[in-house]
Structures are given as C-alpha cells and as structure tokens.
Amino acid sequence: MLLNNLVRIFNCGYVAQYKNREVCEFIVTKIDDIIVHIIPFFEKYQIKGTKYNDYLKFKEAAVLIKNKEHLTEKGLNKIIDLKKSMNKKD
C-alpha cells in the first residue's frame, strides 16, 4: 500500500486503517517528526500549485507548536487563523 511507503520514506508516523470505511490515513503526531522529517522533505521537493500556500501555513503552525507558542492565547489564535485560511483557492 502506498501509505505504508510514506511511513518508510519519512521514517515516522503510521497508517490508520478503519474497519467500516474504505479509507486509510497516514498520521504523524509527534511535532519533532514533523519538524525533522516532513518539513525538510517538502523544502527539498517543493509542492507546486495552490497547495504550496497551505504548506507554508502548515509549516508556520508547526514552528509555533515546536516553540510552544500554542500554549499562549496569542499563539493559539494564530494557529486557528492559519487553519481557517487553509484549503481555499487563492
């Protein structure tokens, strides 16, 4: 399965499979894995098109979380604003 290859390539995360659904998900929960494995991959192999802007917002949110800024009201609101602005056609 393709998603299992992502676990191997990124050396992190896992694949969630659901009994009552015909979907699977590649899930990474550790912020350090996102910072160390996922973000550098997409820095090297840049996303093309409108999703690149979403990636930049994802990256900004990851850095905020890594720096524990999400523990403040200001930082949490920034992450919420980033999320609200994602997945929109620019």
PDB file of N, CA and C in Angstrom:
ATOM      1  N   MET A   1       0.843  -1.176   0.000  1.00  0.00           N
ATOM      2  CA  MET A   1       0.000   0.000   0.000  1.00  0.00           C
ATOM      3  C   MET A   1       0.893   1.246   0.000  1.00  0.00           C
ATOM      4  N   LEU A   2       0.492   2.226  -0.768  1.00  0.00           N
ATOM      5  CA  LEU A   2       1.256   3.459  -0.923  1.00  0.00           C
ATOM      6  C   LEU A   2       1.527   4.154   0.414  1.00  0.00           C
ATOM      7  N   LEU A   3       0.534   4.219   1.269  1.00  0.00           N
ATOM      8  CA  LEU A   3       0.710   4.927   2.541  1.00  0.00           C
ATOM      9  C   LEU A   3       1.770   4.272   3.424  1.00  0.00           C
ATOM     10  N   ASN A   4       1.893   2.964   3.356  1.00  0.00           N
ATOM     11  CA  ASN A   4       2.946   2.285   4.124  1.00  0.00           C
ATOM     12  C   ASN A   4       4.331   2.726   3.649  1.00  0.00           C
ATOM     13  N   ASN A   5       4.445   3.045   2.383  1.00  0.00           N
ATOM     14  CA  ASN A   5       5.713   3.556   1.865  1.00  0.00           C
ATOM     15  C   ASN A   5       6.043   4.917   2.466  1.00  0.00           C
ATOM     16  N   LEU A   6       5.028   5.723   2.740  1.00  0.00           N
ATOM     17  CA  LEU A   6       5.275   7.024   3.379  1.00  0.00           C
ATOM     18  C   LEU A   6       5.879   6.847   4.770  1.00  0.00           C
ATOM     19  N   VAL A   7       5.399   5.867   5.506  1.00  0.00           N
ATOM     20  CA  VAL A   7       5.973   5.578   6.829  1.00  0.00           C
ATOM     21  C   VAL A   7       7.452   5.249   6.677  1.00  0.00           C
ATOM     22  N   ARG A   8       7.777   4.464   5.676  1.00  0.00           N
ATOM     23  CA  ARG A   8       9.173   4.066   5.439  1.00  0.00           C
ATOM     24  C   ARG A   8      10.004   5.250   4.960  1.00  0.00           C
ATOM     25  N   ILE A   9       9.491   6.011   4.020  1.00  0.00           N
ATOM     26  CA  ILE A   9      10.237   7.143   3.456  1.00  0.00           C
ATOM     27  C   ILE A   9      10.509   8.211   4.506  1.00  0.00           C
ATOM     28  N   PHE A  10       9.466   8.563   5.274  1.00  0.00           N
ATOM     29  CA  PHE A  10       9.618   9.624   6.271  1.00  0.00           C
ATOM     30  C   PHE A  10      10.210   9.121   7.585  1.00  0.00           C
ATOM     31  N   ASN A  11      10.227   7.810   7.765  1.00  0.00           N
ATOM     32  CA  ASN A  11      10.754   7.215   8.994  1.00  0.00           C
ATOM     33  C   ASN A  11       9.991   7.710  10.223  1.00  0.00           C
ATOM     34  N   CYS A  12       8.689   7.886  10.051  1.00  0.00           N
ATOM     35  CA  CYS A  12       7.841   8.308  11.163  1.00  0.00           C
ATOM     36  C   CYS A  12       6.392   8.083  10.779  1.00  0.00           C
ATOM     37  N   GLY A  13       5.517   8.212  11.756  1.00  0.00           N
ATOM     38  CA  GLY A  13       4.086   8.105  11.520  1.00  0.00           C
ATOM     39  C   GLY A  13       3.623   6.668  11.418  1.00  0.00           C
ATOM     40  N   TYR A  14       2.338   6.537  11.116  1.00  0.00           N
ATOM     41  CA  TYR A  14       1.739   5.218  10.960  1.00  0.00           C
ATOM     42  C   TYR A  14       0.528   5.343  10.037  1.00  0.00           C
ATOM     43  N   VAL A  15       0.046   4.208   9.585  1.00  0.00           N
ATOM     44  CA  VAL A  15      -1.139   4.167   8.728  1.00  0.00           C
ATOM     45  C   VAL A  15      -2.307   3.673   9.564  1.00  0.00           C
ATOM     46  N   ALA A  16      -3.362   4.465   9.590  1.00  0.00           N
ATOM     47  CA  ALA A  16      -4.593   4.062  10.274  1.00  0.00           C
ATOM     48  C   ALA A  16      -5.540   3.469   9.249  1.00  0.00           C
ATOM     49  N   GLN A  17      -5.995   2.251   9.528  1.00  0.00           N
ATOM     50  CA  GLN A  17      -6.966   1.582   8.665  1.00  0.00           C
ATOM     51  C   GLN A  17      -8.249   1.405   9.468  1.00  0.00           C
ATOM     52  N   TYR A  18      -9.378   1.601   8.829  1.00  0.00           N
ATOM     53  CA  TYR A  18     -10.659   1.565   9.515  1.00  0.00           C
ATOM     54  C   TYR A  18     -11.501   0.405   8.999  1.00  0.00           C
ATOM     55  N   LYS A  19     -12.157  -0.289   9.920  1.00  0.00           N
ATOM     56  CA  LYS A  19     -12.954  -1.453   9.543  1.00  0.00           C
ATOM     57  C   LYS A  19     -14.180  -1.069   8.721  1.00  0.00           C
ATOM     58  N   ASN A  20     -14.857  -0.022   9.088  1.00  0.00           N
ATOM     59  CA  ASN A  20     -16.123   0.328   8.444  1.00  0.00           C
ATOM     60  C   ASN A  20     -15.996   1.413   7.384  1.00  0.00           C
ATOM     61  N   ARG A  21     -14.781   1.744   7.015  1.00  0.00           N
ATOM     62  CA  ARG A  21     -14.571   2.768   5.994  1.00  0.00           C
ATOM     63  C   ARG A  21     -13.564   2.250   4.974  1.00  0.00           C
ATOM     64  N   GLU A  22     -13.680   2.732   3.755  1.00  0.00           N
ATOM     65  CA  GLU A  22     -12.765   2.304   2.706  1.00  0.00           C
ATOM     66  C   GLU A  22     -11.655   3.321   2.504  1.00  0.00           C
ATOM     67  N   VAL A  23     -11.169   3.887   3.604  1.00  0.00           N
ATOM     68  CA  VAL A  23     -10.077   4.860   3.545  1.00  0.00           C
ATOM     69  C   VAL A  23      -9.021   4.486   4.569  1.00  0.00           C
ATOM     70  N   CYS A  24      -7.825   4.972   4.303  1.00  0.00           N
ATOM     71  CA  CYS A  24      -6.716   4.852   5.233  1.00  0.00           C
ATOM     72  C   CYS A  24      -6.108   6.240   5.368  1.00  0.00           C
ATOM     73  N   GLU A  25      -5.373   6.458   6.454  1.00  0.00           N
ATOM     74  CA  GLU A  25      -4.728   7.751   6.664  1.00  0.00           C
ATOM     75  C   GLU A  25      -3.283   7.555   7.097  1.00  0.00           C
ATOM     76  N   PHE A  26      -2.408   8.392   6.592  1.00  0.00           N
ATOM     77  CA  PHE A  26      -1.033   8.477   7.077  1.00  0.00           C
ATOM     78  C   PHE A  26      -1.045   9.543   8.165  1.00  0.00           C
ATOM     79  N   ILE A  27      -0.665   9.164   9.378  1.00  0.00           N
ATOM     80  CA  ILE A  27      -0.764  10.056  10.526  1.00  0.00           C
ATOM     81  C   ILE A  27       0.601  10.233  11.176  1.00  0.00           C
ATOM     82  N   VAL A  28       0.968  11.486  11.411  1.00  0.00           N
ATOM     83  CA  VAL A  28       2.173  11.833  12.164  1.00  0.00           C
ATOM     84  C   VAL A  28       1.726  12.715  13.323  1.00  0.00           C
ATOM     85  N   THR A  29       1.995  12.284  14.552  1.00  0.00           N
ATOM     86  CA  THR A  29       1.507  13.023  15.716  1.00  0.00           C
ATOM     87  C   THR A  29       2.601  13.762  16.478  1.00  0.00           C
ATOM     88  N   LYS A  30       3.832  13.355  16.297  1.00  0.00           N
ATOM     89  CA  LYS A  30       4.926  13.982  17.048  1.00  0.00           C
ATOM     90  C   LYS A  30       5.439  15.210  16.300  1.00  0.00           C
ATOM     91  N   ILE A  31       5.409  16.344  16.983  1.00  0.00           N
ATOM     92  CA  ILE A  31       5.850  17.593  16.347  1.00  0.00           C
ATOM     93  C   ILE A  31       7.305  17.499  15.905  1.00  0.00           C
ATOM     94  N   ASP A  32       8.131  16.812  16.661  1.00  0.00           N
ATOM     95  CA  ASP A  32       9.540  16.663  16.261  1.00  0.00           C
ATOM     96  C   ASP A  32       9.665  15.898  14.943  1.00  0.00           C
ATOM     97  N   ASP A  33       8.806  14.901  14.718  1.00  0.00           N
ATOM     98  CA  ASP A  33       8.833  14.172  13.444  1.00  0.00           C
ATOM     99  C   ASP A  33       8.433  15.093  12.292  1.00  0.00           C
ATOM    100  N   ILE A  34       7.472  15.953  12.539  1.00  0.00           N
ATOM    101  CA  ILE A  34       7.053  16.898  11.501  1.00  0.00           C
ATOM    102  C   ILE A  34       8.190  17.861  11.175  1.00  0.00           C
ATOM    103  N   ILE A  35       8.846  18.375  12.206  1.00  0.00           N
ATOM    104  CA  ILE A  35       9.942  19.333  12.024  1.00  0.00           C
ATOM    105  C   ILE A  35      11.163  18.672  11.393  1.00  0.00           C
ATOM    106  N   VAL A  36      11.505  17.466  11.830  1.00  0.00           N
ATOM    107  CA  VAL A  36      12.740  16.801  11.402  1.00  0.00           C
ATOM    108  C   VAL A  36      12.589  16.039  10.087  1.00  0.00           C
ATOM    109  N   HIS A  37      11.421  15.459   9.840  1.00  0.00           N
ATOM    110  CA  HIS A  37      11.261  14.591   8.672  1.00  0.00           C
ATOM    111  C   HIS A  37      10.359  15.169   7.576  1.00  0.00           C
ATOM    112  N   ILE A  38       9.184  15.631   7.963  1.00  0.00           N
ATOM    113  CA  ILE A  38       8.184  16.029   6.964  1.00  0.00           C
ATOM    114  C   ILE A  38       8.545  17.360   6.304  1.00  0.00           C
ATOM    115  N   ILE A  39       8.790  18.381   7.109  1.00  0.00           N
ATOM    116  CA  ILE A  39       9.076  19.710   6.555  1.00  0.00           C
ATOM    117  C   ILE A  39      10.338  19.707   5.687  1.00  0.00           C
ATOM    118  N   PRO A  40      11.438  19.110   6.116  1.00  0.00           N
ATOM    119  CA  PRO A  40      12.614  19.098   5.233  1.00  0.00           C
ATOM    120  C   PRO A  40      12.359  18.411   3.881  1.00  0.00           C
ATOM    121  N   PHE A  41      11.518  17.385   3.875  1.00  0.00           N
ATOM    122  CA  PHE A  41      11.181  16.720   2.617  1.00  0.00           C
ATOM    123  C   PHE A  41      10.512  17.702   1.659  1.00  0.00           C
ATOM    124  N   PHE A  42       9.538  18.457   2.181  1.00  0.00           N
ATOM    125  CA  PHE A  42       8.817  19.389   1.320  1.00  0.00           C
ATOM    126  C   PHE A  42       9.606  20.667   1.030  1.00  0.00           C
ATOM    127  N   GLU A  43      10.629  20.916   1.794  1.00  0.00           N
ATOM    128  CA  GLU A  43      11.543  22.001   1.443  1.00  0.00           C
ATOM    129  C   GLU A  43      12.407  21.573   0.256  1.00  0.00           C
ATOM    130  N   LYS A  44      12.801  20.292   0.263  1.00  0.00           N
ATOM    131  CA  LYS A  44      13.630  19.767  -0.823  1.00  0.00           C
ATOM    132  C   LYS A  44      12.813  19.527  -2.084  1.00  0.00           C
ATOM    133  N   TYR A  45      11.608  18.957  -1.923  1.00  0.00           N
ATOM    134  CA  TYR A  45      10.730  18.648  -3.052  1.00  0.00           C
ATOM    135  C   TYR A  45       9.486  19.529  -2.928  1.00  0.00           C
ATOM    136  N   GLN A  46       9.620  20.745  -3.387  1.00  0.00           N
ATOM    137  CA  GLN A  46       8.601  21.776  -3.193  1.00  0.00           C
ATOM    138  C   GLN A  46       7.272  21.423  -3.863  1.00  0.00           C
ATOM    139  N   ILE A  47       6.208  21.689  -3.138  1.00  0.00           N
ATOM    140  CA  ILE A  47       4.859  21.489  -3.641  1.00  0.00           C
ATOM    141  C   ILE A  47       4.591  22.542  -4.715  1.00  0.00           C
ATOM    142  N   LYS A  48       3.961  22.113  -5.788  1.00  0.00           N
ATOM    143  CA  LYS A  48       3.614  23.034  -6.875  1.00  0.00           C
ATOM    144  C   LYS A  48       2.130  23.378  -6.774  1.00  0.00           C
ATOM    145  N   GLY A  49       1.781  24.565  -7.225  1.00  0.00           N
ATOM    146  CA  GLY A  49       0.375  24.957  -7.290  1.00  0.00           C
ATOM    147  C   GLY A  49      -0.126  25.604  -6.009  1.00  0.00           C
ATOM    148  N   THR A  50      -1.461  25.650  -5.891  1.00  0.00           N
ATOM    149  CA  THR A  50      -2.081  26.381  -4.790  1.00  0.00           C
ATOM    150  C   THR A  50      -1.843  25.733  -3.430  1.00  0.00           C
ATOM    151  N   LYS A  51      -1.573  24.460  -3.373  1.00  0.00           N
ATOM    152  CA  LYS A  51      -1.332  23.787  -2.099  1.00  0.00           C
ATOM    153  C   LYS A  51      -0.027  24.243  -1.437  1.00  0.00           C
ATOM    154  N   TYR A  52       0.835  24.877  -2.201  1.00  0.00           N
ATOM    155  CA  TYR A  52       2.077  25.383  -1.616  1.00  0.00           C
ATOM    156  C   TYR A  52       1.778  26.403  -0.513  1.00  0.00           C
ATOM    157  N   ASN A  53       0.767  27.234  -0.725  1.00  0.00           N
ATOM    158  CA  ASN A  53       0.403  28.216   0.303  1.00  0.00           C
ATOM    159  C   ASN A  53      -0.089  27.535   1.577  1.00  0.00           C
ATOM    160  N   ASP A  54      -0.832  26.445   1.428  1.00  0.00           N
ATOM    161  CA  ASP A  54      -1.262  25.679   2.597  1.00  0.00           C
ATOM    162  C   ASP A  54      -0.062  25.067   3.315  1.00  0.00           C
ATOM    163  N   TYR A  55       0.890  24.582   2.549  1.00  0.00           N
ATOM    164  CA  TYR A  55       2.105  24.030   3.154  1.00  0.00           C
ATOM    165  C   TYR A  55       2.818  25.086   3.997  1.00  0.00           C
ATOM    166  N   LEU A  56       2.939  26.304   3.472  1.00  0.00           N
ATOM    167  CA  LEU A  56       3.609  27.368   4.222  1.00  0.00           C
ATOM    168  C   LEU A  56       2.887  27.666   5.534  1.00  0.00           C
ATOM    169  N   LYS A  57       1.568  27.616   5.513  1.00  0.00           N
ATOM    170  CA  LYS A  57       0.786  27.839   6.739  1.00  0.00           C
ATOM    171  C   LYS A  57       0.960  26.669   7.709  1.00  0.00           C
ATOM    172  N   PHE A  58       0.981  25.454   7.169  1.00  0.00           N
ATOM    173  CA  PHE A  58       1.232  24.261   7.987  1.00  0.00           C
ATOM    174  C   PHE A  58       2.596  24.364   8.659  1.00  0.00           C
ATOM    175  N   LYS A  59       3.590  24.755   7.893  1.00  0.00           N
ATOM    176  CA  LYS A  59       4.943  24.892   8.407  1.00  0.00           C
ATOM    177  C   LYS A  59       4.992  25.958   9.505  1.00  0.00           C
ATOM    178  N   GLU A  60       4.332  27.086   9.282  1.00  0.00           N
ATOM    179  CA  GLU A  60       4.300  28.148  10.288  1.00  0.00           C
ATOM    180  C   GLU A  60       3.642  27.657  11.579  1.00  0.00           C
ATOM    181  N   ALA A  61       2.553  26.925  11.450  1.00  0.00           N
ATOM    182  CA  ALA A  61       1.879  26.378  12.634  1.00  0.00           C
ATOM    183  C   ALA A  61       2.771  25.371  13.355  1.00  0.00           C
ATOM    184  N   ALA A  62       3.483  24.542  12.602  1.00  0.00           N
ATOM    185  CA  ALA A  62       4.376  23.555  13.216  1.00  0.00           C
ATOM    186  C   ALA A  62       5.475  24.245  14.024  1.00  0.00           C
ATOM    187  N   VAL A  63       6.025  25.318  13.490  1.00  0.00           N
ATOM    188  CA  VAL A  63       7.071  26.058  14.203  1.00  0.00           C
ATOM    189  C   VAL A  63       6.498  26.696  15.468  1.00  0.00           C
ATOM    190  N   LEU A  64       5.292  27.226  15.384  1.00  0.00           N
ATOM    191  CA  LEU A  64       4.650  27.793  16.572  1.00  0.00           C
ATOM    192  C   LEU A  64       4.484  26.733  17.658  1.00  0.00           C
ATOM    193  N   ILE A  65       4.049  25.547  17.256  1.00  0.00           N
ATOM    194  CA  ILE A  65       3.868  24.459  18.215  1.00  0.00           C
ATOM    195  C   ILE A  65       5.214  24.003  18.773  1.00  0.00           C
ATOM    196  N   LYS A  66       6.200  23.844  17.911  1.00  0.00           N
ATOM    197  CA  LYS A  66       7.539  23.436  18.362  1.00  0.00           C
ATOM    198  C   LYS A  66       8.083  24.403  19.402  1.00  0.00           C
ATOM    199  N   ASN A  67       7.815  25.702  19.197  1.00  0.00           N
ATOM    200  CA  ASN A  67       8.296  26.735  20.127  1.00  0.00           C
ATOM    201  C   ASN A  67       7.350  26.956  21.308  1.00  0.00           C
ATOM    202  N   LYS A  68       6.334  26.093  21.407  1.00  0.00           N
ATOM    203  CA  LYS A  68       5.351  26.118  22.493  1.00  0.00           C
ATOM    204  C   LYS A  68       4.536  27.410  22.546  1.00  0.00           C
ATOM    205  N   GLU A  69       4.492  28.108  21.418  1.00  0.00           N
ATOM    206  CA  GLU A  69       3.703  29.334  21.362  1.00  0.00           C
ATOM    207  C   GLU A  69       2.210  29.047  21.355  1.00  0.00           C
ATOM    208  N   HIS A  70       1.826  27.823  21.028  1.00  0.00           N
ATOM    209  CA  HIS A  70       0.411  27.447  21.045  1.00  0.00           C
ATOM    210  C   HIS A  70      -0.154  27.412  22.459  1.00  0.00           C
ATOM    211  N   LEU A  71       0.722  27.481  23.447  1.00  0.00           N
ATOM    212  CA  LEU A  71       0.290  27.471  24.842  1.00  0.00           C
ATOM    213  C   LEU A  71      -0.165  28.846  25.319  1.00  0.00           C
ATOM    214  N   THR A  72       0.034  29.860  24.489  1.00  0.00           N
ATOM    215  CA  THR A  72      -0.453  31.205  24.812  1.00  0.00           C
ATOM    216  C   THR A  72      -1.710  31.466  23.981  1.00  0.00           C
ATOM    217  N   GLU A  73      -2.529  32.370  24.454  1.00  0.00           N
ATOM    218  CA  GLU A  73      -3.744  32.706  23.715  1.00  0.00           C
ATOM    219  C   GLU A  73      -3.403  33.278  22.339  1.00  0.00           C
ATOM    220  N   LYS A  74      -2.394  34.132  22.306  1.00  0.00           N
ATOM    221  CA  LYS A  74      -1.993  34.751  21.040  1.00  0.00           C
ATOM    222  C   LYS A  74      -1.519  33.688  20.040  1.00  0.00           C
ATOM    223  N   GLY A  75      -0.678  32.776  20.500  1.00  0.00           N
ATOM    224  CA  GLY A  75      -0.160  31.729  19.623  1.00  0.00           C
ATOM    225  C   GLY A  75      -1.249  30.788  19.154  1.00  0.00           C
ATOM    226  N   LEU A  76      -2.145  30.411  20.057  1.00  0.00           N
ATOM    227  CA  LEU A  76      -3.244  29.524  19.694  1.00  0.00           C
ATOM    228  C   LEU A  76      -4.159  30.200  18.673  1.00  0.00           C
ATOM    229  N   ASN A  77      -4.449  31.475  18.875  1.00  0.00           N
ATOM    230  CA  ASN A  77      -5.284  32.210  17.921  1.00  0.00           C
ATOM    231  C   ASN A  77      -4.617  32.305  16.557  1.00  0.00           C
ATOM    232  N   LYS A  78      -3.299  32.433  16.535  1.00  0.00           N
ATOM    233  CA  LYS A  78      -2.570  32.473  15.271  1.00  0.00           C
ATOM    234  C   LYS A  78      -2.733  31.149  14.523  1.00  0.00           C
ATOM    235  N   ILE A  79      -2.627  30.042  15.236  1.00  0.00           N
ATOM    236  CA  ILE A  79      -2.791  28.727  14.617  1.00  0.00           C
ATOM    237  C   ILE A  79      -4.220  28.555  14.099  1.00  0.00           C
ATOM    238  N   ILE A  80      -5.184  28.994  14.876  1.00  0.00           N
ATOM    239  CA  ILE A  80      -6.584  28.906  14.449  1.00  0.00           C
ATOM    240  C   ILE A  80      -6.800  29.725  13.180  1.00  0.00           C
ATOM    241  N   ASP A  81      -6.221  30.919  13.133  1.00  0.00           N
ATOM    242  CA  ASP A  81      -6.338  31.761  11.937  1.00  0.00           C
ATOM    243  C   ASP A  81      -5.676  31.106  10.725  1.00  0.00           C
ATOM    244  N   LEU A  82      -4.519  30.489  10.948  1.00  0.00           N
ATOM    245  CA  LEU A  82      -3.847  29.788   9.851  1.00  0.00           C
ATOM    246  C   LEU A  82      -4.726  28.672   9.320  1.00  0.00           C
ATOM    247  N   LYS A  83      -5.299  27.884  10.226  1.00  0.00           N
ATOM    248  CA  LYS A  83      -6.157  26.764   9.831  1.00  0.00           C
ATOM    249  C   LYS A  83      -7.367  27.252   9.040  1.00  0.00           C
ATOM    250  N   LYS A  84      -7.991  28.326   9.508  1.00  0.00           N
ATOM    251  CA  LYS A  84      -9.165  28.862   8.822  1.00  0.00           C
ATOM    252  C   LYS A  84      -8.839  29.323   7.400  1.00  0.00           C
ATOM    253  N   SER A  85      -7.610  29.751   7.193  1.00  0.00           N
ATOM    254  CA  SER A  85      -7.245  30.276   5.886  1.00  0.00           C
ATOM    255  C   SER A  85      -6.737  29.212   4.917  1.00  0.00           C
ATOM    256  N   MET A  86      -6.674  27.967   5.359  1.00  0.00           N
ATOM    257  CA  MET A  86      -6.177  26.891   4.519  1.00  0.00           C
ATOM    258  C   MET A  86      -7.289  26.276   3.668  1.00  0.00           C
ATOM    259  N   ASN A  87      -6.869  25.577   2.616  1.00  0.00           N
ATOM    260  CA  ASN A  87      -7.757  24.849   1.711  1.00  0.00           C
ATOM    261  C   ASN A  87      -8.745  25.765   1.015  1.00  0.00           C
ATOM    262  N   LYS A  88      -8.274  26.929   0.692  1.00  0.00           N
ATOM    263  CA  LYS A  88      -9.071  27.878  -0.086  1.00  0.00           C
ATOM    264  C   LYS A  88      -8.314  28.175  -1.362  1.00  0.00           C
ATOM    265  N   LYS A  89      -9.013  28.405  -2.422  1.00  0.00           N
ATOM    266  CA  LYS A  89      -8.350  28.762  -3.672  1.00  0.00           C
ATOM    267  C   LYS A  89      -7.889  30.206  -3.561  1.00  0.00           C
ATOM    268  N   ASP A  90      -6.610  30.416  -3.804  1.00  0.00           N
ATOM    269  CA  ASP A  90      -6.051  31.776  -3.696  1.00  0.00           C
ATOM    270  C   ASP A  90      -6.108  32.497  -5.011  1.00  0.00           C
TER     271      ASP A  90
END
